[in-house]
């Protein structure tokens, strides 16, 4: 069976080295989301499984991560555009959740659902660098991931988000 050629913003799944920053990585397609917990604004522990039934885009970020900070407004805009179709969850990897809360308030990020992972369990379970963004289907299975900054309002990104 022939493997389709990647589009201009995708790295081939069979490629050994990690994809370049901002490129789509499909090498984990079909894998279940980690069972690591993170917390919502009220401090309730959650897993990606809690969002089953709706495609969920998880973004791992931190206030100290320059590419994370740069892409966050576009991610919030994309969340607003995809409202109802895809749930967007931004999981802060800051050790102090207050920093992430202040970041959201200062920048008036109103559409993303902020979550907190001060123990870094989710990013450690994925062995992920920041920022890492993963689209999970409604069953909690990975569709694709992007490591590094990306313009989430671009036509290419909108097409990616429509895959679920």
N, C-alpha and C. Protein backbone atom coordinates (compact mmCIF):
# COMPACT_ATOMS: atom_id res chain seq x y z
N UNK A 1 0.84 -1.17 0.00
CA UNK A 1 0.00 0.00 0.00
C UNK A 1 0.89 1.24 0.00
N UNK A 2 0.64 2.14 -0.88
CA UNK A 2 1.46 3.34 -1.00
C UNK A 2 1.11 4.33 0.10
N UNK A 3 2.13 4.97 0.63
CA UNK A 3 1.93 6.01 1.64
C UNK A 3 1.81 7.34 0.92
N UNK A 4 0.75 8.10 1.20
CA UNK A 4 0.60 9.37 0.51
C UNK A 4 1.73 10.32 0.85
N UNK A 5 2.12 11.12 -0.12
CA UNK A 5 3.17 12.10 0.10
C UNK A 5 2.67 13.16 1.07
N UNK A 6 3.55 13.64 1.95
CA UNK A 6 3.11 14.66 2.90
C UNK A 6 2.83 15.98 2.20
N UNK A 7 1.92 16.74 2.77
CA UNK A 7 1.70 18.08 2.25
C UNK A 7 2.87 18.94 2.69
N UNK A 8 2.90 20.17 2.26
CA UNK A 8 4.05 21.03 2.51
C UNK A 8 4.32 21.25 3.99
N UNK A 9 3.33 21.11 4.85
CA UNK A 9 3.57 21.36 6.27
C UNK A 9 3.62 20.08 7.10
N UNK A 10 3.84 18.95 6.46
CA UNK A 10 3.89 17.69 7.18
C UNK A 10 5.24 17.01 7.00
N UNK A 11 5.67 16.35 8.05
CA UNK A 11 6.86 15.52 7.99
C UNK A 11 6.40 14.09 7.76
N UNK A 12 7.11 13.33 6.94
CA UNK A 12 6.72 11.93 6.73
C UNK A 12 6.75 11.16 8.04
N UNK A 13 5.74 10.30 8.26
CA UNK A 13 5.65 9.53 9.49
C UNK A 13 6.84 8.59 9.66
N UNK A 14 7.42 8.12 8.56
CA UNK A 14 8.52 7.17 8.64
C UNK A 14 9.87 7.84 8.84
N UNK A 15 9.93 9.13 8.83
CA UNK A 15 11.17 9.86 8.98
C UNK A 15 11.72 9.64 10.38
N UNK A 16 12.98 9.27 10.52
CA UNK A 16 13.57 8.98 11.82
C UNK A 16 13.74 10.22 12.70
N UNK A 17 14.34 11.32 12.19
CA UNK A 17 14.49 12.48 13.07
C UNK A 17 13.15 13.15 13.36
N UNK A 18 13.11 13.87 14.46
CA UNK A 18 11.90 14.60 14.82
C UNK A 18 11.60 15.64 13.75
N UNK A 19 10.32 15.88 13.49
CA UNK A 19 9.96 16.91 12.51
C UNK A 19 10.44 18.28 12.96
N UNK A 20 10.65 19.15 12.00
CA UNK A 20 11.06 20.52 12.29
C UNK A 20 9.96 21.22 13.07
N UNK A 21 10.33 22.24 13.79
CA UNK A 21 9.37 23.00 14.59
C UNK A 21 8.22 23.48 13.72
N UNK A 22 7.01 23.28 14.23
CA UNK A 22 5.81 23.72 13.54
C UNK A 22 5.28 22.75 12.51
N UNK A 23 5.99 21.66 12.28
CA UNK A 23 5.56 20.67 11.29
C UNK A 23 4.62 19.64 11.93
N UNK A 24 3.76 19.07 11.13
CA UNK A 24 2.81 18.07 11.60
C UNK A 24 3.49 16.71 11.68
N UNK A 25 3.30 16.03 12.80
CA UNK A 25 3.87 14.71 13.06
C UNK A 25 2.70 13.73 13.24
N UNK A 26 2.61 12.76 12.35
CA UNK A 26 1.54 11.76 12.42
C UNK A 26 2.04 10.41 12.90
N UNK A 27 3.27 10.36 13.39
CA UNK A 27 3.87 9.08 13.78
C UNK A 27 3.22 8.47 15.02
N UNK A 28 2.40 9.22 15.75
CA UNK A 28 1.72 8.71 16.94
C UNK A 28 0.22 8.51 16.70
N UNK A 29 -0.19 8.60 15.45
CA UNK A 29 -1.61 8.50 15.11
C UNK A 29 -2.21 7.21 15.66
N UNK A 30 -3.36 7.35 16.31
CA UNK A 30 -4.06 6.19 16.86
C UNK A 30 -3.70 5.86 18.30
N UNK A 31 -2.62 6.46 18.82
CA UNK A 31 -2.23 6.18 20.20
C UNK A 31 -3.21 6.85 21.17
N UNK A 32 -3.48 6.16 22.25
CA UNK A 32 -4.37 6.72 23.29
C UNK A 32 -3.65 7.85 24.02
N UNK A 33 -4.43 8.82 24.45
CA UNK A 33 -3.88 9.93 25.24
C UNK A 33 -3.31 9.38 26.54
N UNK A 34 -2.29 10.02 27.07
CA UNK A 34 -1.75 9.57 28.35
C UNK A 34 -2.81 9.65 29.45
N UNK A 35 -2.65 8.84 30.46
CA UNK A 35 -3.58 8.85 31.60
C UNK A 35 -3.13 9.84 32.67
N UNK A 36 -2.06 10.56 32.42
CA UNK A 36 -1.56 11.55 33.39
C UNK A 36 -2.64 12.60 33.65
N UNK A 37 -2.70 13.04 34.88
CA UNK A 37 -3.72 14.03 35.24
C UNK A 37 -3.16 15.45 35.20
N UNK A 38 -4.08 16.38 35.03
CA UNK A 38 -3.84 17.81 35.12
C UNK A 38 -5.07 18.36 35.80
N UNK A 39 -5.08 19.63 36.13
CA UNK A 39 -6.20 20.19 36.90
C UNK A 39 -6.90 21.30 36.15
N UNK A 40 -8.20 21.41 36.37
CA UNK A 40 -8.95 22.54 35.81
C UNK A 40 -8.80 23.74 36.75
N UNK A 41 -9.48 24.83 36.44
CA UNK A 41 -9.36 26.06 37.23
C UNK A 41 -9.77 25.87 38.68
N UNK A 42 -10.68 24.94 38.93
CA UNK A 42 -11.14 24.68 40.29
C UNK A 42 -10.23 23.70 41.03
N UNK A 43 -9.20 23.18 40.35
CA UNK A 43 -8.28 22.24 40.97
C UNK A 43 -8.69 20.79 40.84
N UNK A 44 -9.78 20.52 40.12
CA UNK A 44 -10.25 19.14 39.93
C UNK A 44 -9.32 18.40 38.97
N UNK A 45 -8.82 17.22 39.38
CA UNK A 45 -7.96 16.44 38.49
C UNK A 45 -8.75 15.89 37.30
N UNK A 46 -8.15 15.99 36.12
CA UNK A 46 -8.76 15.51 34.88
C UNK A 46 -7.73 14.76 34.05
N UNK A 47 -8.22 14.00 33.09
CA UNK A 47 -7.39 13.41 32.05
C UNK A 47 -8.06 13.77 30.72
N UNK A 48 -7.39 13.51 29.63
CA UNK A 48 -7.99 13.77 28.31
C UNK A 48 -9.27 12.95 28.15
N UNK A 49 -9.32 11.78 28.79
CA UNK A 49 -10.51 10.94 28.71
C UNK A 49 -11.76 11.66 29.19
N UNK A 50 -11.60 12.64 30.08
CA UNK A 50 -12.75 13.41 30.57
C UNK A 50 -13.43 14.20 29.45
N UNK A 51 -12.72 14.41 28.35
CA UNK A 51 -13.26 15.17 27.22
C UNK A 51 -13.76 14.27 26.10
N UNK A 52 -13.87 12.96 26.36
CA UNK A 52 -14.33 12.01 25.35
C UNK A 52 -15.66 12.45 24.77
N UNK A 53 -15.85 12.14 23.52
CA UNK A 53 -17.10 12.47 22.85
C UNK A 53 -16.97 13.68 21.94
N UNK A 54 -15.86 14.41 22.08
CA UNK A 54 -15.64 15.58 21.24
C UNK A 54 -14.14 15.67 20.93
N UNK A 55 -13.78 15.96 19.69
CA UNK A 55 -12.36 16.14 19.40
C UNK A 55 -11.77 17.22 20.30
N UNK A 56 -10.55 16.99 20.78
CA UNK A 56 -9.92 17.90 21.72
C UNK A 56 -8.50 18.21 21.27
N UNK A 57 -8.19 19.49 21.21
CA UNK A 57 -6.84 19.94 20.90
C UNK A 57 -6.18 20.32 22.21
N UNK A 58 -5.10 19.64 22.56
CA UNK A 58 -4.37 19.90 23.79
C UNK A 58 -3.09 20.65 23.44
N UNK A 59 -2.88 21.78 24.09
CA UNK A 59 -1.67 22.56 23.90
C UNK A 59 -0.91 22.61 25.21
N UNK A 60 0.33 22.11 25.20
CA UNK A 60 1.21 22.17 26.37
C UNK A 60 2.07 23.41 26.22
N UNK A 61 2.04 24.27 27.22
CA UNK A 61 2.70 25.56 27.11
C UNK A 61 3.16 26.02 28.49
N UNK A 62 3.89 27.14 28.53
CA UNK A 62 4.29 27.76 29.79
C UNK A 62 4.55 29.24 29.54
N UNK A 63 4.40 30.03 30.59
CA UNK A 63 4.61 31.47 30.47
C UNK A 63 6.06 31.82 30.18
N UNK A 64 7.00 30.94 30.53
CA UNK A 64 8.42 31.19 30.32
C UNK A 64 8.90 30.73 28.94
N UNK A 65 8.01 30.15 28.16
CA UNK A 65 8.34 29.61 26.83
C UNK A 65 7.97 30.64 25.76
N UNK A 66 8.98 31.28 25.17
CA UNK A 66 8.74 32.36 24.19
C UNK A 66 7.86 31.91 23.01
N UNK A 67 8.11 30.75 22.38
CA UNK A 67 7.23 30.33 21.28
C UNK A 67 5.80 30.08 21.75
N UNK A 68 5.64 29.59 22.98
CA UNK A 68 4.30 29.36 23.54
C UNK A 68 3.55 30.68 23.66
N UNK A 69 4.21 31.66 24.22
CA UNK A 69 3.61 32.98 24.43
C UNK A 69 3.23 33.59 23.08
N UNK A 70 4.11 33.44 22.10
CA UNK A 70 3.87 34.03 20.78
C UNK A 70 2.66 33.41 20.08
N UNK A 71 2.49 32.09 20.19
CA UNK A 71 1.40 31.43 19.46
C UNK A 71 0.06 31.47 20.19
N UNK A 72 0.05 31.81 21.47
CA UNK A 72 -1.18 31.72 22.26
C UNK A 72 -2.33 32.58 21.72
N UNK A 73 -2.13 33.83 21.28
CA UNK A 73 -3.26 34.59 20.73
C UNK A 73 -3.88 33.93 19.49
N UNK A 74 -3.05 33.36 18.63
CA UNK A 74 -3.57 32.67 17.44
C UNK A 74 -4.31 31.39 17.84
N UNK A 75 -3.82 30.72 18.86
CA UNK A 75 -4.49 29.52 19.35
C UNK A 75 -5.86 29.87 19.93
N UNK A 76 -5.94 30.98 20.66
CA UNK A 76 -7.21 31.43 21.21
C UNK A 76 -8.18 31.80 20.08
N UNK A 77 -7.67 32.46 19.04
CA UNK A 77 -8.51 32.83 17.89
C UNK A 77 -9.01 31.58 17.16
N UNK A 78 -8.15 30.58 17.01
CA UNK A 78 -8.55 29.34 16.37
C UNK A 78 -9.61 28.62 17.20
N UNK A 79 -9.46 28.68 18.52
CA UNK A 79 -10.45 28.05 19.40
C UNK A 79 -11.81 28.72 19.22
N UNK A 80 -11.81 30.02 19.07
CA UNK A 80 -13.06 30.74 18.87
C UNK A 80 -13.70 30.34 17.54
N UNK A 81 -12.89 30.23 16.50
CA UNK A 81 -13.39 29.85 15.17
C UNK A 81 -13.92 28.42 15.16
N UNK A 82 -13.28 27.53 15.90
CA UNK A 82 -13.66 26.11 15.91
C UNK A 82 -14.68 25.79 17.00
N UNK A 83 -15.16 26.79 17.68
CA UNK A 83 -16.09 26.59 18.79
C UNK A 83 -17.24 25.67 18.38
N UNK A 84 -17.48 24.68 19.20
CA UNK A 84 -18.55 23.73 18.92
C UNK A 84 -18.07 22.49 18.20
N UNK A 85 -17.00 22.59 17.43
CA UNK A 85 -16.49 21.44 16.68
C UNK A 85 -15.34 20.75 17.39
N UNK A 86 -14.42 21.57 17.93
CA UNK A 86 -13.22 21.06 18.60
C UNK A 86 -13.05 21.80 19.91
N UNK A 87 -12.80 21.06 20.98
CA UNK A 87 -12.53 21.67 22.28
C UNK A 87 -11.02 21.96 22.33
N UNK A 88 -10.64 23.14 22.80
CA UNK A 88 -9.24 23.53 22.94
C UNK A 88 -8.90 23.58 24.43
N UNK A 89 -7.84 22.89 24.81
CA UNK A 89 -7.40 22.84 26.20
C UNK A 89 -5.92 23.24 26.24
N UNK A 90 -5.62 24.30 26.99
CA UNK A 90 -4.25 24.77 27.14
C UNK A 90 -3.75 24.36 28.51
N UNK A 91 -2.82 23.41 28.55
CA UNK A 91 -2.32 22.88 29.82
C UNK A 91 -0.99 23.55 30.16
N UNK A 92 -1.03 24.42 31.16
CA UNK A 92 0.17 25.14 31.57
C UNK A 92 1.14 24.21 32.28
N UNK A 93 2.41 24.34 31.92
CA UNK A 93 3.48 23.58 32.55
C UNK A 93 4.24 24.44 33.55
N UNK A 94 3.66 25.58 33.92
CA UNK A 94 4.27 26.44 34.93
C UNK A 94 4.18 25.77 36.29
N UNK A 95 5.20 25.93 37.11
CA UNK A 95 5.19 25.37 38.46
C UNK A 95 4.16 26.08 39.34
N UNK A 96 3.87 27.34 39.04
CA UNK A 96 2.91 28.12 39.81
C UNK A 96 1.71 28.46 38.91
N UNK A 97 0.57 27.80 39.11
CA UNK A 97 -0.61 28.06 38.28
C UNK A 97 -1.04 29.53 38.27
N UNK A 98 -0.70 30.29 39.30
CA UNK A 98 -1.06 31.71 39.34
C UNK A 98 -0.46 32.47 38.17
N UNK A 99 0.73 32.08 37.74
CA UNK A 99 1.37 32.75 36.61
C UNK A 99 0.56 32.54 35.33
N UNK A 100 0.08 31.34 35.14
CA UNK A 100 -0.72 31.04 33.94
C UNK A 100 -2.06 31.77 34.00
N UNK A 101 -2.68 31.80 35.16
CA UNK A 101 -3.95 32.52 35.30
C UNK A 101 -3.77 34.00 34.98
N UNK A 102 -2.71 34.59 35.49
CA UNK A 102 -2.43 36.01 35.23
C UNK A 102 -2.16 36.24 33.74
N UNK A 103 -1.44 35.32 33.13
CA UNK A 103 -1.15 35.42 31.69
C UNK A 103 -2.45 35.46 30.89
N UNK A 104 -3.38 34.56 31.17
CA UNK A 104 -4.66 34.53 30.47
C UNK A 104 -5.44 35.82 30.68
N UNK A 105 -5.45 36.30 31.91
CA UNK A 105 -6.20 37.52 32.23
C UNK A 105 -5.60 38.74 31.55
N UNK A 106 -4.28 38.89 31.61
CA UNK A 106 -3.61 40.04 31.02
C UNK A 106 -3.81 40.11 29.51
N UNK A 107 -3.84 38.96 28.86
CA UNK A 107 -3.95 38.93 27.39
C UNK A 107 -5.39 38.74 26.92
N UNK A 108 -6.31 38.67 27.86
CA UNK A 108 -7.73 38.51 27.56
C UNK A 108 -7.98 37.30 26.65
N UNK A 109 -7.34 36.20 26.97
CA UNK A 109 -7.56 34.95 26.25
C UNK A 109 -8.83 34.35 26.83
N UNK A 110 -9.88 34.35 26.05
CA UNK A 110 -11.19 34.02 26.61
C UNK A 110 -11.80 32.73 26.09
N UNK A 111 -11.24 32.15 25.04
CA UNK A 111 -11.87 30.98 24.45
C UNK A 111 -11.19 29.68 24.88
N UNK A 112 -9.88 29.70 25.03
CA UNK A 112 -9.14 28.50 25.45
C UNK A 112 -9.58 28.10 26.85
N UNK A 113 -9.59 26.81 27.11
CA UNK A 113 -9.85 26.31 28.46
C UNK A 113 -8.50 26.11 29.15
N UNK A 114 -8.15 26.99 30.11
CA UNK A 114 -6.86 26.82 30.77
C UNK A 114 -6.90 25.69 31.81
N UNK A 115 -5.86 24.88 31.77
CA UNK A 115 -5.68 23.80 32.72
C UNK A 115 -4.27 23.93 33.28
N UNK A 116 -3.97 23.20 34.34
CA UNK A 116 -2.71 23.37 35.03
C UNK A 116 -2.07 22.03 35.37
N UNK A 117 -0.76 21.95 35.15
CA UNK A 117 -0.01 20.72 35.40
C UNK A 117 1.33 21.07 36.04
N UNK A 118 1.31 21.60 37.27
CA UNK A 118 2.57 22.04 37.88
C UNK A 118 3.56 20.91 38.16
N UNK A 119 3.10 19.65 38.18
CA UNK A 119 4.02 18.52 38.37
C UNK A 119 4.57 18.02 37.03
N UNK A 120 4.12 18.60 35.92
CA UNK A 120 4.59 18.28 34.57
C UNK A 120 4.29 16.84 34.15
N UNK A 121 3.32 16.21 34.78
CA UNK A 121 3.01 14.82 34.49
C UNK A 121 2.61 14.57 33.05
N UNK A 122 1.83 15.46 32.48
CA UNK A 122 1.36 15.25 31.11
C UNK A 122 2.50 15.36 30.11
N UNK A 123 3.30 16.42 30.23
CA UNK A 123 4.41 16.59 29.28
C UNK A 123 5.47 15.50 29.48
N UNK A 124 5.69 15.06 30.71
CA UNK A 124 6.65 13.98 30.95
C UNK A 124 6.15 12.67 30.36
N UNK A 125 4.84 12.41 30.46
CA UNK A 125 4.28 11.19 29.89
C UNK A 125 4.46 11.15 28.37
N UNK A 126 4.46 12.32 27.75
CA UNK A 126 4.64 12.41 26.30
C UNK A 126 6.09 12.63 25.90
N UNK A 127 6.95 12.89 26.88
CA UNK A 127 8.34 13.27 26.60
C UNK A 127 8.34 14.46 25.64
N UNK A 128 7.51 15.45 25.95
CA UNK A 128 7.26 16.57 25.04
C UNK A 128 8.06 17.81 25.39
N UNK A 129 8.49 18.50 24.36
CA UNK A 129 9.06 19.84 24.48
C UNK A 129 7.92 20.83 24.35
N UNK A 130 8.17 22.07 24.70
CA UNK A 130 7.15 23.10 24.60
C UNK A 130 7.43 24.06 23.44
N UNK A 131 6.40 24.54 22.83
CA UNK A 131 5.02 24.08 22.92
C UNK A 131 4.82 22.79 22.13
N UNK A 132 3.91 21.97 22.60
CA UNK A 132 3.46 20.80 21.86
C UNK A 132 1.94 20.86 21.83
N UNK A 133 1.39 20.66 20.64
CA UNK A 133 -0.05 20.69 20.45
C UNK A 133 -0.46 19.37 19.82
N UNK A 134 -1.47 18.72 20.42
CA UNK A 134 -1.91 17.40 19.96
C UNK A 134 -3.41 17.43 19.74
N UNK A 135 -3.84 16.94 18.59
CA UNK A 135 -5.27 16.79 18.32
C UNK A 135 -5.66 15.35 18.61
N UNK A 136 -6.64 15.19 19.51
CA UNK A 136 -7.21 13.88 19.83
C UNK A 136 -8.60 13.80 19.23
N UNK A 137 -8.96 12.63 18.71
CA UNK A 137 -10.31 12.46 18.18
C UNK A 137 -11.29 12.28 19.35
N UNK A 138 -12.54 12.08 19.03
CA UNK A 138 -13.56 12.01 20.09
C UNK A 138 -13.41 10.80 21.01
N UNK A 139 -12.58 9.82 20.60
CA UNK A 139 -12.31 8.65 21.45
C UNK A 139 -11.03 8.81 22.27
N UNK A 140 -10.34 9.97 22.13
CA UNK A 140 -9.10 10.18 22.87
C UNK A 140 -7.89 9.57 22.20
N UNK A 141 -7.98 9.34 20.90
CA UNK A 141 -6.86 8.80 20.12
C UNK A 141 -6.18 9.92 19.36
N UNK A 142 -4.87 9.90 19.35
CA UNK A 142 -4.13 10.97 18.68
C UNK A 142 -4.35 10.95 17.17
N UNK A 143 -4.52 12.13 16.61
CA UNK A 143 -4.65 12.30 15.16
C UNK A 143 -3.32 12.81 14.62
N UNK A 144 -2.79 13.85 15.23
CA UNK A 144 -1.49 14.42 14.87
C UNK A 144 -0.99 15.29 16.00
N UNK A 145 0.29 15.68 15.90
CA UNK A 145 0.86 16.61 16.87
C UNK A 145 1.81 17.57 16.17
N UNK A 146 1.99 18.71 16.79
CA UNK A 146 2.92 19.72 16.31
C UNK A 146 3.77 20.14 17.50
N UNK A 147 5.07 20.09 17.34
CA UNK A 147 5.98 20.58 18.36
C UNK A 147 6.60 21.87 17.83
N UNK A 148 6.52 22.90 18.63
CA UNK A 148 7.03 24.20 18.21
C UNK A 148 5.89 25.12 17.82
N UNK A 149 6.25 26.33 17.60
CA UNK A 149 5.28 27.38 17.29
C UNK A 149 4.63 27.17 15.92
N UNK A 150 3.35 27.52 15.84
CA UNK A 150 2.61 27.41 14.59
C UNK A 150 1.56 28.52 14.55
N UNK A 151 1.24 28.99 13.37
CA UNK A 151 0.16 29.96 13.21
C UNK A 151 -1.14 29.18 13.11
N UNK A 152 -1.88 29.15 14.20
CA UNK A 152 -3.11 28.36 14.28
C UNK A 152 -4.27 28.99 13.55
N UNK A 153 -4.08 30.19 12.98
CA UNK A 153 -5.14 30.83 12.20
C UNK A 153 -4.91 30.69 10.70
N UNK A 154 -3.83 30.04 10.29
CA UNK A 154 -3.53 29.89 8.87
C UNK A 154 -4.51 28.91 8.21
N UNK A 155 -4.60 28.99 6.90
CA UNK A 155 -5.47 28.08 6.15
C UNK A 155 -5.04 26.63 6.36
N UNK A 156 -3.73 26.38 6.42
CA UNK A 156 -3.24 25.01 6.63
C UNK A 156 -3.66 24.48 8.00
N UNK A 157 -3.58 25.34 9.01
CA UNK A 157 -3.99 24.91 10.35
C UNK A 157 -5.49 24.67 10.44
N UNK A 158 -6.27 25.52 9.78
CA UNK A 158 -7.72 25.31 9.76
C UNK A 158 -8.05 23.97 9.10
N UNK A 159 -7.33 23.63 8.04
CA UNK A 159 -7.55 22.34 7.38
C UNK A 159 -7.20 21.19 8.31
N UNK A 160 -6.10 21.33 9.06
CA UNK A 160 -5.73 20.29 10.01
C UNK A 160 -6.82 20.08 11.06
N UNK A 161 -7.36 21.18 11.55
CA UNK A 161 -8.39 21.09 12.60
C UNK A 161 -9.70 20.49 12.08
N UNK A 162 -9.89 20.51 10.78
CA UNK A 162 -11.11 19.96 10.20
C UNK A 162 -11.00 18.44 9.96
N UNK A 163 -9.88 17.85 10.30
CA UNK A 163 -9.68 16.42 10.06
C UNK A 163 -10.49 15.53 10.99
N UNK A 164 -11.06 16.08 12.03
CA UNK A 164 -11.85 15.25 12.96
C UNK A 164 -13.31 15.64 12.91
